[in-house]
Amino acid sequence: NQKGTITIVGNKIKLPKLKRLVPIHLHRQVKGVIKHATVSR
């Protein structure tokens, strides 16, 4: 996360280089600042 490139907006997450937000299953609220994100398949 560099200057807000990873944020959760509603039930979607914003990731770097993606124009559209990715829908997620937000089963709990994130407290604090997201420092890193790992996307896995």
PDB file of all heavy atoms in Angstrom:
ATOM      1  N   ASN A   1       0.854  -1.179   0.000  1.00  0.00           N
ATOM      2  CA  ASN A   1       0.000   0.000   0.000  1.00  0.00           C
ATOM      3  C   ASN A   1       0.897   1.238   0.000  1.00  0.00           C
ATOM      4  O   ASN A   1       1.674   1.450   0.913  1.00  0.00           O
ATOM      5  CB  ASN A   1      -0.903  -0.004   1.234  1.00  0.00           C
ATOM      6  CG  ASN A   1      -1.937   1.082   1.198  1.00  0.00           C
ATOM      7  OD1 ASN A   1      -1.989   1.882   0.272  1.00  0.00           O
ATOM      8  ND2 ASN A   1      -2.778   1.102   2.204  1.00  0.00           N
ATOM      9  N   GLN A   2       0.780   2.032  -1.049  1.00  0.00           N
ATOM     10  CA  GLN A   2       1.517   3.286  -1.126  1.00  0.00           C
ATOM     11  C   GLN A   2       0.520   4.417  -1.350  1.00  0.00           C
ATOM     12  O   GLN A   2      -0.065   4.524  -2.418  1.00  0.00           O
ATOM     13  CB  GLN A   2       2.534   3.254  -2.265  1.00  0.00           C
ATOM     14  CG  GLN A   2       3.675   2.322  -2.016  1.00  0.00           C
ATOM     15  CD  GLN A   2       4.737   2.454  -3.082  1.00  0.00           C
ATOM     16  OE1 GLN A   2       4.469   2.821  -4.217  1.00  0.00           O
ATOM     17  NE2 GLN A   2       5.958   2.154  -2.720  1.00  0.00           N
ATOM     18  N   LYS A   3       0.334   5.211  -0.320  1.00  0.00           N
ATOM     19  CA  LYS A   3      -0.550   6.376  -0.388  1.00  0.00           C
ATOM     20  C   LYS A   3      -1.966   5.998  -0.814  1.00  0.00           C
ATOM     21  O   LYS A   3      -2.552   6.604  -1.702  1.00  0.00           O
ATOM     22  CB  LYS A   3       0.027   7.428  -1.326  1.00  0.00           C
ATOM     23  CG  LYS A   3       1.377   7.940  -0.885  1.00  0.00           C
ATOM     24  CD  LYS A   3       1.927   8.950  -1.846  1.00  0.00           C
ATOM     25  CE  LYS A   3       3.311   9.367  -1.417  1.00  0.00           C
ATOM     26  NZ  LYS A   3       3.960  10.247  -2.367  1.00  0.00           N
ATOM     27  N   GLY A   4      -2.505   4.968  -0.208  1.00  0.00           N
ATOM     28  CA  GLY A   4      -3.900   4.615  -0.434  1.00  0.00           C
ATOM     29  C   GLY A   4      -4.181   3.801  -1.683  1.00  0.00           C
ATOM     30  O   GLY A   4      -5.304   3.811  -2.171  1.00  0.00           O
ATOM     31  N   THR A   5      -3.195   3.080  -2.205  1.00  0.00           N
ATOM     32  CA  THR A   5      -3.441   2.272  -3.401  1.00  0.00           C
ATOM     33  C   THR A   5      -4.222   1.006  -3.081  1.00  0.00           C
ATOM     34  O   THR A   5      -4.783   0.391  -3.975  1.00  0.00           O
ATOM     35  CB  THR A   5      -2.120   1.891  -4.099  1.00  0.00           C
ATOM     36  OG1 THR A   5      -1.268   1.236  -3.155  1.00  0.00           O
ATOM     37  CG2 THR A   5      -1.433   3.116  -4.670  1.00  0.00           C
ATOM     38  N   ILE A   6      -4.260   0.603  -1.810  1.00  0.00           N
ATOM     39  CA  ILE A   6      -5.071  -0.537  -1.380  1.00  0.00           C
ATOM     40  C   ILE A   6      -6.074  -0.030  -0.357  1.00  0.00           C
ATOM     41  O   ILE A   6      -5.704   0.360   0.750  1.00  0.00           O
ATOM     42  CB  ILE A   6      -4.207  -1.648  -0.757  1.00  0.00           C
ATOM     43  CG1 ILE A   6      -3.143  -2.110  -1.733  1.00  0.00           C
ATOM     44  CG2 ILE A   6      -5.082  -2.815  -0.328  1.00  0.00           C
ATOM     45  CD1 ILE A   6      -2.132  -3.060  -1.129  1.00  0.00           C
ATOM     46  N   THR A   7      -7.326  -0.028  -0.734  1.00  0.00           N
ATOM     47  CA  THR A   7      -8.372   0.413   0.178  1.00  0.00           C
ATOM     48  C   THR A   7      -9.610  -0.454  -0.010  1.00  0.00           C
ATOM     49  O   THR A   7      -9.827  -1.019  -1.081  1.00  0.00           O
ATOM     50  CB  THR A   7      -8.776   1.887  -0.057  1.00  0.00           C
ATOM     51  OG1 THR A   7      -9.149   2.049  -1.424  1.00  0.00           O
ATOM     52  CG2 THR A   7      -7.649   2.836   0.277  1.00  0.00           C
ATOM     53  N   ILE A   8     -10.417  -0.513   1.028  1.00  0.00           N
ATOM     54  CA  ILE A   8     -11.696  -1.216   0.953  1.00  0.00           C
ATOM     55  C   ILE A   8     -12.791  -0.173   0.892  1.00  0.00           C
ATOM     56  O   ILE A   8     -12.874   0.715   1.742  1.00  0.00           O
ATOM     57  CB  ILE A   8     -11.879  -2.161   2.149  1.00  0.00           C
ATOM     58  CG1 ILE A   8     -10.831  -3.278   2.062  1.00  0.00           C
ATOM     59  CG2 ILE A   8     -13.287  -2.725   2.180  1.00  0.00           C
ATOM     60  CD1 ILE A   8     -10.884  -4.285   3.153  1.00  0.00           C
ATOM     61  N   VAL A   9     -13.615  -0.278  -0.159  1.00  0.00           N
ATOM     62  CA  VAL A   9     -14.726   0.643  -0.375  1.00  0.00           C
ATOM     63  C   VAL A   9     -16.000  -0.185  -0.418  1.00  0.00           C
ATOM     64  O   VAL A   9     -16.238  -0.898  -1.396  1.00  0.00           O
ATOM     65  CB  VAL A   9     -14.545   1.432  -1.693  1.00  0.00           C
ATOM     66  CG1 VAL A   9     -15.688   2.398  -1.899  1.00  0.00           C
ATOM     67  CG2 VAL A   9     -13.212   2.138  -1.724  1.00  0.00           C
ATOM     68  N   GLY A  10     -16.785  -0.107   0.638  1.00  0.00           N
ATOM     69  CA  GLY A  10     -17.994  -0.931   0.689  1.00  0.00           C
ATOM     70  C   GLY A  10     -17.619  -2.407   0.740  1.00  0.00           C
ATOM     71  O   GLY A  10     -16.866  -2.835   1.592  1.00  0.00           O
ATOM     72  N   ASN A  11     -18.149  -3.188  -0.199  1.00  0.00           N
ATOM     73  CA  ASN A  11     -17.817  -4.607  -0.290  1.00  0.00           C
ATOM     74  C   ASN A  11     -16.882  -4.875  -1.462  1.00  0.00           C
ATOM     75  O   ASN A  11     -16.943  -5.927  -2.091  1.00  0.00           O
ATOM     76  CB  ASN A  11     -19.087  -5.454  -0.436  1.00  0.00           C
ATOM     77  CG  ASN A  11     -19.827  -5.570   0.879  1.00  0.00           C
ATOM     78  OD1 ASN A  11     -19.242  -5.390   1.940  1.00  0.00           O
ATOM     79  ND2 ASN A  11     -21.100  -5.863   0.809  1.00  0.00           N
ATOM     80  N   LYS A  12     -16.012  -3.920  -1.751  1.00  0.00           N
ATOM     81  CA  LYS A  12     -15.045  -4.056  -2.840  1.00  0.00           C
ATOM     82  C   LYS A  12     -13.690  -3.567  -2.358  1.00  0.00           C
ATOM     83  O   LYS A  12     -13.599  -2.779  -1.417  1.00  0.00           O
ATOM     84  CB  LYS A  12     -15.490  -3.258  -4.066  1.00  0.00           C
ATOM     85  CG  LYS A  12     -16.792  -3.770  -4.650  1.00  0.00           C
ATOM     86  CD  LYS A  12     -17.163  -3.009  -5.892  1.00  0.00           C
ATOM     87  CE  LYS A  12     -18.459  -3.597  -6.452  1.00  0.00           C
ATOM     88  NZ  LYS A  12     -18.810  -2.985  -7.708  1.00  0.00           N
ATOM     89  N   ILE A  13     -12.650  -4.052  -3.031  1.00  0.00           N
ATOM     90  CA  ILE A  13     -11.300  -3.638  -2.680  1.00  0.00           C
ATOM     91  C   ILE A  13     -10.631  -3.017  -3.897  1.00  0.00           C
ATOM     92  O   ILE A  13     -10.807  -3.473  -5.025  1.00  0.00           O
ATOM     93  CB  ILE A  13     -10.460  -4.814  -2.136  1.00  0.00           C
ATOM     94  CG1 ILE A  13      -9.120  -4.315  -1.613  1.00  0.00           C
ATOM     95  CG2 ILE A  13     -10.278  -5.902  -3.179  1.00  0.00           C
ATOM     96  CD1 ILE A  13      -8.392  -5.307  -0.751  1.00  0.00           C
ATOM     97  N   LYS A  14      -9.896  -1.956  -3.642  1.00  0.00           N
ATOM     98  CA  LYS A  14      -9.119  -1.287  -4.687  1.00  0.00           C
ATOM     99  C   LYS A  14      -7.686  -1.787  -4.591  1.00  0.00           C
ATOM    100  O   LYS A  14      -7.080  -1.745  -3.527  1.00  0.00           O
ATOM    101  CB  LYS A  14      -9.158   0.221  -4.473  1.00  0.00           C
ATOM    102  CG  LYS A  14      -8.331   1.002  -5.457  1.00  0.00           C
ATOM    103  CD  LYS A  14      -8.316   2.476  -5.081  1.00  0.00           C
ATOM    104  CE  LYS A  14      -7.324   3.197  -5.957  1.00  0.00           C
ATOM    105  NZ  LYS A  14      -6.790   4.378  -5.330  1.00  0.00           N
ATOM    106  N   LEU A  15      -7.174  -2.299  -5.725  1.00  0.00           N
ATOM    107  CA  LEU A  15      -5.801  -2.789  -5.794  1.00  0.00           C
ATOM    108  C   LEU A  15      -5.027  -1.981  -6.830  1.00  0.00           C
ATOM    109  O   LEU A  15      -5.621  -1.473  -7.782  1.00  0.00           O
ATOM    110  CB  LEU A  15      -5.776  -4.278  -6.169  1.00  0.00           C
ATOM    111  CG  LEU A  15      -6.370  -5.229  -5.133  1.00  0.00           C
ATOM    112  CD1 LEU A  15      -6.514  -6.622  -5.699  1.00  0.00           C
ATOM    113  CD2 LEU A  15      -5.507  -5.245  -3.885  1.00  0.00           C
ATOM    114  N   PRO A  16      -3.706  -1.856  -6.680  1.00  0.00           N
ATOM    115  CA  PRO A  16      -2.913  -1.073  -7.634  1.00  0.00           C
ATOM    116  C   PRO A  16      -3.031  -1.603  -9.060  1.00  0.00           C
ATOM    117  O   PRO A  16      -3.092  -2.805  -9.288  1.00  0.00           O
ATOM    118  CB  PRO A  16      -1.482  -1.224  -7.124  1.00  0.00           C
ATOM    119  CG  PRO A  16      -1.611  -1.612  -5.705  1.00  0.00           C
ATOM    120  CD  PRO A  16      -2.883  -2.362  -5.586  1.00  0.00           C
ATOM    121  N   LYS A  17      -3.067  -0.676 -10.003  1.00  0.00           N
ATOM    122  CA  LYS A  17      -3.086  -0.928 -11.448  1.00  0.00           C
ATOM    123  C   LYS A  17      -4.422  -1.455 -11.966  1.00  0.00           C
ATOM    124  O   LYS A  17      -4.558  -1.662 -13.151  1.00  0.00           O
ATOM    125  CB  LYS A  17      -1.984  -1.900 -11.872  1.00  0.00           C
ATOM    126  CG  LYS A  17      -0.632  -1.286 -11.990  1.00  0.00           C
ATOM    127  CD  LYS A  17      -0.304  -1.104 -13.439  1.00  0.00           C
ATOM    128  CE  LYS A  17       1.098  -0.577 -13.596  1.00  0.00           C
ATOM    129  NZ  LYS A  17       1.600  -0.682 -14.906  1.00  0.00           N
ATOM    130  N   LEU A  18      -5.383  -1.687 -11.106  1.00  0.00           N
ATOM    131  CA  LEU A  18      -6.702  -2.127 -11.560  1.00  0.00           C
ATOM    132  C   LEU A  18      -7.627  -0.926 -11.627  1.00  0.00           C
ATOM    133  O   LEU A  18      -7.731  -0.163 -10.673  1.00  0.00           O
ATOM    134  CB  LEU A  18      -7.293  -3.171 -10.615  1.00  0.00           C
ATOM    135  CG  LEU A  18      -6.795  -4.591 -10.770  1.00  0.00           C
ATOM    136  CD1 LEU A  18      -7.379  -5.479  -9.692  1.00  0.00           C
ATOM    137  CD2 LEU A  18      -7.127  -5.138 -12.134  1.00  0.00           C
ATOM    138  N   LYS A  19      -8.304  -0.777 -12.752  1.00  0.00           N
ATOM    139  CA  LYS A  19      -9.204   0.363 -12.917  1.00  0.00           C
ATOM    140  C   LYS A  19     -10.498   0.175 -12.132  1.00  0.00           C
ATOM    141  O   LYS A  19     -11.039   1.112 -11.576  1.00  0.00           O
ATOM    142  CB  LYS A  19      -9.501   0.570 -14.402  1.00  0.00           C
ATOM    143  CG  LYS A  19      -8.282   0.997 -15.192  1.00  0.00           C
ATOM    144  CD  LYS A  19      -8.596   1.116 -16.658  1.00  0.00           C
ATOM    145  CE  LYS A  19      -7.403   1.576 -17.441  1.00  0.00           C
ATOM    146  NZ  LYS A  19      -6.431   0.545 -17.707  1.00  0.00           N
ATOM    147  N   ARG A  20     -11.004  -1.065 -12.111  1.00  0.00           N
ATOM    148  CA  ARG A  20     -12.262  -1.342 -11.412  1.00  0.00           C
ATOM    149  C   ARG A  20     -11.989  -2.019 -10.082  1.00  0.00           C
ATOM    150  O   ARG A  20     -11.007  -2.743  -9.924  1.00  0.00           O
ATOM    151  CB  ARG A  20     -13.129  -2.248 -12.285  1.00  0.00           C
ATOM    152  CG  ARG A  20     -13.553  -1.552 -13.580  1.00  0.00           C
ATOM    153  CD  ARG A  20     -14.431  -2.424 -14.439  1.00  0.00           C
ATOM    154  NE  ARG A  20     -15.615  -2.824 -13.704  1.00  0.00           N
ATOM    155  CZ  ARG A  20     -16.357  -3.863 -14.051  1.00  0.00           C
ATOM    156  NH1 ARG A  20     -16.047  -4.601 -15.084  1.00  0.00           N
ATOM    157  NH2 ARG A  20     -17.435  -4.177 -13.346  1.00  0.00           N
ATOM    158  N   LEU A  21     -12.875  -1.787  -9.134  1.00  0.00           N
ATOM    159  CA  LEU A  21     -12.760  -2.407  -7.824  1.00  0.00           C
ATOM    160  C   LEU A  21     -13.126  -3.885  -7.920  1.00  0.00           C
ATOM    161  O   LEU A  21     -13.963  -4.279  -8.732  1.00  0.00           O
ATOM    162  CB  LEU A  21     -13.681  -1.708  -6.832  1.00  0.00           C
ATOM    163  CG  LEU A  21     -13.434  -0.205  -6.625  1.00  0.00           C
ATOM    164  CD1 LEU A  21     -14.482   0.361  -5.690  1.00  0.00           C
ATOM    165  CD2 LEU A  21     -12.060   0.046  -6.069  1.00  0.00           C
ATOM    166  N   VAL A  22     -12.503  -4.704  -7.074  1.00  0.00           N
ATOM    167  CA  VAL A  22     -12.747  -6.144  -7.061  1.00  0.00           C
ATOM    168  C   VAL A  22     -13.728  -6.460  -5.936  1.00  0.00           C
ATOM    169  O   VAL A  22     -13.473  -6.121  -4.775  1.00  0.00           O
ATOM    170  CB  VAL A  22     -11.430  -6.919  -6.826  1.00  0.00           C
ATOM    171  CG1 VAL A  22     -11.677  -8.413  -6.855  1.00  0.00           C
ATOM    172  CG2 VAL A  22     -10.379  -6.518  -7.841  1.00  0.00           C
ATOM    173  N   PRO A  23     -14.868  -7.126  -6.250  1.00  0.00           N
ATOM    174  CA  PRO A  23     -15.806  -7.506  -5.189  1.00  0.00           C
ATOM    175  C   PRO A  23     -15.178  -8.532  -4.236  1.00  0.00           C
ATOM    176  O   PRO A  23     -14.462  -9.432  -4.656  1.00  0.00           O
ATOM    177  CB  PRO A  23     -16.975  -8.135  -5.945  1.00  0.00           C
ATOM    178  CG  PRO A  23     -16.845  -7.658  -7.348  1.00  0.00           C
ATOM    179  CD  PRO A  23     -15.381  -7.446  -7.569  1.00  0.00           C
ATOM    180  N   ILE A  24     -15.450  -8.360  -2.948  1.00  0.00           N
ATOM    181  CA  ILE A  24     -14.944  -9.289  -1.937  1.00  0.00           C
ATOM    182  C   ILE A  24     -16.074  -9.677  -1.006  1.00  0.00           C
ATOM    183  O   ILE A  24     -17.110  -9.001  -0.931  1.00  0.00           O
ATOM    184  CB  ILE A  24     -13.777  -8.681  -1.117  1.00  0.00           C
ATOM    185  CG1 ILE A  24     -14.239  -7.440  -0.350  1.00  0.00           C
ATOM    186  CG2 ILE A  24     -12.595  -8.385  -1.968  1.00  0.00           C
ATOM    187  CD1 ILE A  24     -13.199  -6.905   0.612  1.00  0.00           C
ATOM    188  N   HIS A  25     -15.889 -10.773  -0.297  1.00  0.00           N
ATOM    189  CA  HIS A  25     -16.809 -11.170   0.759  1.00  0.00           C
ATOM    190  C   HIS A  25     -16.258 -10.589   2.056  1.00  0.00           C
ATOM    191  O   HIS A  25     -15.344 -11.145   2.666  1.00  0.00           O
ATOM    192  CB  HIS A  25     -16.915 -12.696   0.850  1.00  0.00           C
ATOM    193  CG  HIS A  25     -17.804 -13.149   1.951  1.00  0.00           C
ATOM    194  ND1 HIS A  25     -19.170 -13.132   1.849  1.00  0.00           N
ATOM    195  CD2 HIS A  25     -17.520 -13.612   3.190  1.00  0.00           C
ATOM    196  CE1 HIS A  25     -19.701 -13.579   2.977  1.00  0.00           C
ATOM    197  NE2 HIS A  25     -18.711 -13.872   3.811  1.00  0.00           N
ATOM    198  N   LEU A  26     -16.790  -9.443   2.444  1.00  0.00           N
ATOM    199  CA  LEU A  26     -16.294  -8.717   3.621  1.00  0.00           C
ATOM    200  C   LEU A  26     -17.059  -9.221   4.845  1.00  0.00           C
ATOM    201  O   LEU A  26     -18.123  -8.727   5.174  1.00  0.00           O
ATOM    202  CB  LEU A  26     -16.493  -7.209   3.422  1.00  0.00           C
ATOM    203  CG  LEU A  26     -15.805  -6.305   4.411  1.00  0.00           C
ATOM    204  CD1 LEU A  26     -14.301  -6.418   4.296  1.00  0.00           C
ATOM    205  CD2 LEU A  26     -16.224  -4.870   4.198  1.00  0.00           C
ATOM    206  N   HIS A  27     -16.520 -10.233   5.517  1.00  0.00           N
ATOM    207  CA  HIS A  27     -17.205 -10.838   6.659  1.00  0.00           C
ATOM    208  C   HIS A  27     -16.860 -10.178   7.985  1.00  0.00           C
ATOM    209  O   HIS A  27     -17.468 -10.479   9.004  1.00  0.00           O
ATOM    210  CB  HIS A  27     -16.902 -12.339   6.732  1.00  0.00           C
ATOM    211  CG  HIS A  27     -15.447 -12.655   6.724  1.00  0.00           C
ATOM    212  ND1 HIS A  27     -14.693 -12.639   7.850  1.00  0.00           N
ATOM    213  CD2 HIS A  27     -14.612 -12.980   5.713  1.00  0.00           C
ATOM    214  CE1 HIS A  27     -13.449 -12.951   7.556  1.00  0.00           C
ATOM    215  NE2 HIS A  27     -13.377 -13.159   6.256  1.00  0.00           N
ATOM    216  N   ARG A  28     -15.877  -9.274   7.963  1.00  0.00           N
ATOM    217  CA  ARG A  28     -15.569  -8.460   9.150  1.00  0.00           C
ATOM    218  C   ARG A  28     -14.872  -7.193   8.704  1.00  0.00           C
ATOM    219  O   ARG A  28     -14.279  -7.137   7.633  1.00  0.00           O
ATOM    220  CB  ARG A  28     -14.725  -9.222  10.158  1.00  0.00           C
ATOM    221  CG  ARG A  28     -13.384  -9.644   9.633  1.00  0.00           C
ATOM    222  CD  ARG A  28     -12.656 -10.415  10.695  1.00  0.00           C
ATOM    223  NE  ARG A  28     -11.471 -11.020  10.126  1.00  0.00           N
ATOM    224  CZ  ARG A  28     -10.515 -11.549  10.823  1.00  0.00           C
ATOM    225  NH1 ARG A  28     -10.598 -11.544  12.136  1.00  0.00           N
ATOM    226  NH2 ARG A  28      -9.471 -12.084  10.252  1.00  0.00           N
ATOM    227  N   GLN A  29     -14.928  -6.189   9.528  1.00  0.00           N
ATOM    228  CA  GLN A  29     -14.336  -4.903   9.195  1.00  0.00           C
ATOM    229  C   GLN A  29     -12.838  -4.917   9.477  1.00  0.00           C
ATOM    230  O   GLN A  29     -12.375  -5.509  10.444  1.00  0.00           O
ATOM    231  CB  GLN A  29     -15.000  -3.782  10.003  1.00  0.00           C
ATOM    232  CG  GLN A  29     -16.444  -3.545   9.628  1.00  0.00           C
ATOM    233  CD  GLN A  29     -16.593  -3.135   8.171  1.00  0.00           C
ATOM    234  OE1 GLN A  29     -15.822  -2.338   7.660  1.00  0.00           O
ATOM    235  NE2 GLN A  29     -17.574  -3.716   7.489  1.00  0.00           N
ATOM    236  N   VAL A  30     -12.097  -4.246   8.623  1.00  0.00           N
ATOM    237  CA  VAL A  30     -10.655  -4.129   8.781  1.00  0.00           C
ATOM    238  C   VAL A  30     -10.381  -2.936   9.681  1.00  0.00           C
ATOM    239  O   VAL A  30     -10.842  -1.832   9.405  1.00  0.00           O
ATOM    240  CB  VAL A  30      -9.970  -3.945   7.412  1.00  0.00           C
ATOM    241  CG1 VAL A  30      -8.479  -3.718   7.590  1.00  0.00           C
ATOM    242  CG2 VAL A  30     -10.235  -5.135   6.522  1.00  0.00           C
ATOM    243  N   LYS A  31      -9.616  -3.167  10.725  1.00  0.00           N
ATOM    244  CA  LYS A  31      -9.254  -2.091  11.636  1.00  0.00           C
ATOM    245  C   LYS A  31      -7.816  -1.698  11.347  1.00  0.00           C
ATOM    246  O   LYS A  31      -6.946  -2.545  11.228  1.00  0.00           O
ATOM    247  CB  LYS A  31      -9.391  -2.545  13.083  1.00  0.00           C
ATOM    248  CG  LYS A  31     -10.821  -2.860  13.460  1.00  0.00           C
ATOM    249  CD  LYS A  31     -10.909  -3.358  14.872  1.00  0.00           C
ATOM    250  CE  LYS A  31     -12.350  -3.717  15.202  1.00  0.00           C
ATOM    251  NZ  LYS A  31     -12.460  -4.351  16.510  1.00  0.00           N
ATOM    252  N   GLY A  32      -7.566  -0.435  11.227  1.00  0.00           N
ATOM    253  CA  GLY A  32      -6.219   0.032  10.957  1.00  0.00           C
ATOM    254  C   GLY A  32      -5.969   0.210   9.470  1.00  0.00           C
ATOM    255  O   GLY A  32      -6.891   0.262   8.661  1.00  0.00           O
ATOM    256  N   VAL A  33      -4.707   0.284   9.113  1.00  0.00           N
ATOM    257  CA  VAL A  33      -4.287   0.537   7.736  1.00  0.00           C
ATOM    258  C   VAL A  33      -3.764  -0.755   7.132  1.00  0.00           C
ATOM    259  O   VAL A  33      -2.982  -1.476   7.761  1.00  0.00           O
ATOM    260  CB  VAL A  33      -3.161   1.601   7.724  1.00  0.00           C
ATOM    261  CG1 VAL A  33      -2.656   1.843   6.311  1.00  0.00           C
ATOM    262  CG2 VAL A  33      -3.649   2.897   8.344  1.00  0.00           C
ATOM    263  N   ILE A  34      -4.187  -1.067   5.916  1.00  0.00           N
ATOM    264  CA  ILE A  34      -3.669  -2.236   5.220  1.00  0.00           C
ATOM    265  C   ILE A  34      -2.290  -1.875   4.674  1.00  0.00           C
ATOM    266  O   ILE A  34      -2.138  -0.932   3.910  1.00  0.00           O
ATOM    267  CB  ILE A  34      -4.606  -2.669   4.077  1.00  0.00           C
ATOM    268  CG1 ILE A  34      -5.961  -3.084   4.637  1.00  0.00           C
ATOM    269  CG2 ILE A  34      -3.995  -3.815   3.283  1.00  0.00           C
ATOM    270  CD1 ILE A  34      -6.988  -3.400   3.579  1.00  0.00           C
ATOM    271  N   LYS A  35      -1.287  -2.640   5.069  1.00  0.00           N
ATOM    272  CA  LYS A  35       0.090  -2.381   4.643  1.00  0.00           C
ATOM    273  C   LYS A  35       0.460  -3.186   3.403  1.00  0.00           C
ATOM    274  O   LYS A  35       1.163  -2.696   2.535  1.00  0.00           O
ATOM    275  CB  LYS A  35       1.073  -2.721   5.772  1.00  0.00           C
ATOM    276  CG  LYS A  35       0.952  -1.790   6.948  1.00  0.00           C
ATOM    277  CD  LYS A  35       1.408  -0.426   6.551  1.00  0.00           C
ATOM    278  CE  LYS A  35       1.407   0.519   7.723  1.00  0.00           C
ATOM    279  NZ  LYS A  35       1.835   1.841   7.329  1.00  0.00           N
ATOM    280  N   HIS A  36       0.043  -4.441   3.353  1.00  0.00           N
ATOM    281  CA  HIS A  36       0.365  -5.335   2.247  1.00  0.00           C
ATOM    282  C   HIS A  36      -0.885  -6.092   1.848  1.00  0.00           C
ATOM    283  O   HIS A  36      -1.784  -6.279   2.663  1.00  0.00           O
ATOM    284  CB  HIS A  36       1.417  -6.380   2.637  1.00  0.00           C
ATOM    285  CG  HIS A  36       2.621  -5.832   3.285  1.00  0.00           C
ATOM    286  ND1 HIS A  36       3.637  -5.251   2.590  1.00  0.00           N
ATOM    287  CD2 HIS A  36       2.981  -5.765   4.595  1.00  0.00           C
ATOM    288  CE1 HIS A  36       4.577  -4.861   3.437  1.00  0.00           C
ATOM    289  NE2 HIS A  36       4.194  -5.150   4.650  1.00  0.00           N
ATOM    290  N   ALA A  37      -0.910  -6.552   0.625  1.00  0.00           N
ATOM    291  CA  ALA A  37      -2.000  -7.413   0.171  1.00  0.00           C
ATOM    292  C   ALA A  37      -1.405  -8.506  -0.698  1.00  0.00           C
ATOM    293  O   ALA A  37      -0.593  -8.240  -1.579  1.00  0.00           O
ATOM    294  CB  ALA A  37      -3.024  -6.614  -0.622  1.00  0.00           C
ATOM    295  N   THR A  38      -1.813  -9.723  -0.435  1.00  0.00           N
ATOM    296  CA  THR A  38      -1.402 -10.862  -1.238  1.00  0.00           C
ATOM    297  C   THR A  38      -2.640 -11.434  -1.894  1.00  0.00           C
ATOM    298  O   THR A  38      -3.597 -11.797  -1.211  1.00  0.00           O
ATOM    299  CB  THR A  38      -0.721 -11.938  -0.371  1.00  0.00           C
ATOM    300  OG1 THR A  38       0.425 -11.368   0.251  1.00  0.00           O
ATOM    301  CG2 THR A  38      -0.300 -13.128  -1.208  1.00  0.00           C
ATOM    302  N   VAL A  39      -2.626 -11.497  -3.217  1.00  0.00           N
ATOM    303  CA  VAL A  39      -3.732 -12.097  -3.959  1.00  0.00           C
ATOM    304  C   VAL A  39      -3.270 -13.487  -4.353  1.00  0.00           C
ATOM    305  O   VAL A  39      -2.181 -13.657  -4.906  1.00  0.00           O
ATOM    306  CB  VAL A  39      -4.082 -11.267  -5.214  1.00  0.00           C
ATOM    307  CG1 VAL A  39      -5.157 -11.948  -6.028  1.00  0.00           C
ATOM    308  CG2 VAL A  39      -4.525  -9.876  -4.807  1.00  0.00           C
ATOM    309  N   SER A  40      -4.091 -14.489  -4.059  1.00  0.00           N
ATOM    310  CA  SER A  40      -3.698 -15.855  -4.388  1.00  0.00           C
ATOM    311  C   SER A  40      -4.834 -16.573  -5.097  1.00  0.00           C
ATOM    312  O   SER A  40      -6.001 -16.291  -4.869  1.00  0.00           O
ATOM    313  CB  SER A  40      -3.295 -16.630  -3.135  1.00  0.00           C
ATOM    314  OG  SER A  40      -4.427 -16.882  -2.341  1.00  0.00           O
ATOM    315  N   ARG A  41      -4.442 -17.490  -5.966  1.00  0.00           N
ATOM    316  CA  ARG A  41      -5.392 -18.362  -6.656  1.00  0.00           C
ATOM    317  C   ARG A  41      -5.171 -19.762  -6.122  1.00  0.00           C
ATOM    318  O   ARG A  41      -4.072 -20.297  -6.179  1.00  0.00           O
ATOM    319  CB  ARG A  41      -5.174 -18.350  -8.155  1.00  0.00           C
ATOM    320  CG  ARG A  41      -6.125 -19.278  -8.887  1.00  0.00           C
ATOM    321  CD  ARG A  41      -5.909 -19.223 -10.390  1.00  0.00           C
ATOM    322  NE  ARG A  41      -6.896 -20.040 -11.049  1.00  0.00           N
ATOM    323  CZ  ARG A  41      -6.627 -21.251 -11.555  1.00  0.00           C
ATOM    324  NH1 ARG A  41      -5.417 -21.753 -11.461  1.00  0.00           N
ATOM    325  NH2 ARG A  41      -7.569 -21.940 -12.140  1.00  0.00           N
TER     326      ARG A  41
END
